[in-house]
Amino acid sequence: MCLAVPACVESLMDGDRAVVSLEGLKREISVALVPEVAIGDYVIVHVGYALSRLDPDEAQRTLALFAEIGGDACAS
């Protein structure tokens, strides 16, 4: 099963790339589909691409639900 998960943007890189963090795991992703993204924003990430920005409260609720069900949102 594939999931799109919320992750926090930690840094922006050249070439529409960014580093995001989810529970301490850092990944480099493409932000080409979300050009207005900024450091500190939450984005929905699916297969290495940010699909959209996400409200921080909604991101926290979603992450809390993953933790509650014992799912590993970072599993790939």
Protein backbone atom coordinates (compact mmCIF):
# COMPACT_ATOMS: atom_id res chain seq x y z
CA MET A 1 0.00 0.00 0.00
CA CYS A 2 1.24 3.48 -0.83
CA LEU A 3 0.49 6.42 1.41
CA ALA A 4 0.96 10.12 1.04
CA VAL A 5 2.23 11.45 4.35
CA PRO A 6 2.76 14.89 5.87
CA ALA A 7 6.35 16.01 6.29
CA CYS A 8 7.95 19.26 7.38
CA VAL A 9 10.20 21.16 4.98
CA GLU A 10 13.60 21.66 6.63
CA SER A 11 15.57 23.20 3.79
CA LEU A 12 15.18 24.25 0.18
CA MET A 13 17.73 23.24 -2.43
CA ASP A 14 18.47 24.19 -6.01
CA GLY A 15 16.49 22.60 -8.80
CA ASP A 16 13.05 22.35 -7.15
CA ARG A 17 14.37 20.06 -4.41
CA ALA A 18 13.91 20.19 -0.65
CA VAL A 19 14.79 18.20 2.44
CA VAL A 20 11.84 17.17 4.59
CA SER A 21 11.68 15.57 8.01
CA LEU A 22 9.20 13.09 9.42
CA GLU A 23 9.86 11.73 12.89
CA GLY A 24 13.57 12.45 12.52
CA LEU A 25 13.92 10.78 9.12
CA LYS A 26 15.20 13.22 6.50
CA ARG A 27 14.52 12.73 2.81
CA GLU A 28 15.27 14.75 -0.28
CA ILE A 29 12.12 15.29 -2.35
CA SER A 30 10.92 17.24 -5.37
CA VAL A 31 8.86 20.37 -4.73
CA ALA A 32 8.32 21.10 -8.43
CA LEU A 33 4.55 20.66 -8.00
CA VAL A 34 4.43 23.07 -5.03
CA PRO A 35 6.51 26.10 -6.06
CA GLU A 36 5.28 28.31 -3.18
CA VAL A 37 6.66 26.00 -0.48
CA ALA A 38 8.77 27.53 2.31
CA ILE A 39 10.92 26.23 5.15
CA GLY A 40 8.66 25.16 8.02
CA ASP A 41 5.72 24.30 5.76
CA TYR A 42 4.11 20.89 5.92
CA VAL A 43 3.64 19.14 2.61
CA ILE A 44 1.94 15.92 1.56
CA VAL A 45 4.68 13.63 0.19
CA HIS A 46 4.08 10.67 -2.11
CA VAL A 47 6.85 8.70 -3.83
CA GLY A 48 9.36 11.51 -3.44
CA TYR A 49 7.15 14.39 -4.58
CA ALA A 50 5.43 17.09 -2.55
CA LEU A 51 1.86 17.14 -3.83
CA SER A 52 0.48 20.09 -1.85
CA ARG A 53 0.97 22.26 1.21
CA LEU A 54 -0.89 21.22 4.35
CA ASP A 55 -2.19 23.19 7.30
CA PRO A 56 0.14 22.54 10.30
CA ASP A 57 -2.77 21.56 12.56
CA GLU A 58 -4.04 19.06 10.00
CA ALA A 59 -0.52 17.68 9.60
CA GLN A 60 -0.23 17.14 13.36
CA ARG A 61 -3.64 15.44 13.53
CA THR A 62 -2.69 13.12 10.69
CA LEU A 63 0.66 12.25 12.26
CA ALA A 64 -1.08 11.60 15.59
CA LEU A 65 -3.46 9.18 13.86
CA PHE A 66 -0.54 7.29 12.32
CA ALA A 67 1.05 7.03 15.77
CA GLU A 68 -2.24 5.90 17.33
CA ILE A 69 -2.70 3.02 14.92
CA GLY A 70 0.94 2.08 15.24
CA GLY A 71 1.64 2.65 11.58
CA ASP A 72 5.02 3.67 10.35
CA ALA A 73 4.26 6.59 8.09
CA CYS A 74 7.86 6.59 6.87
CA ALA A 75 7.93 3.02 5.63
CA SER A 76 8.77 2.72 1.99
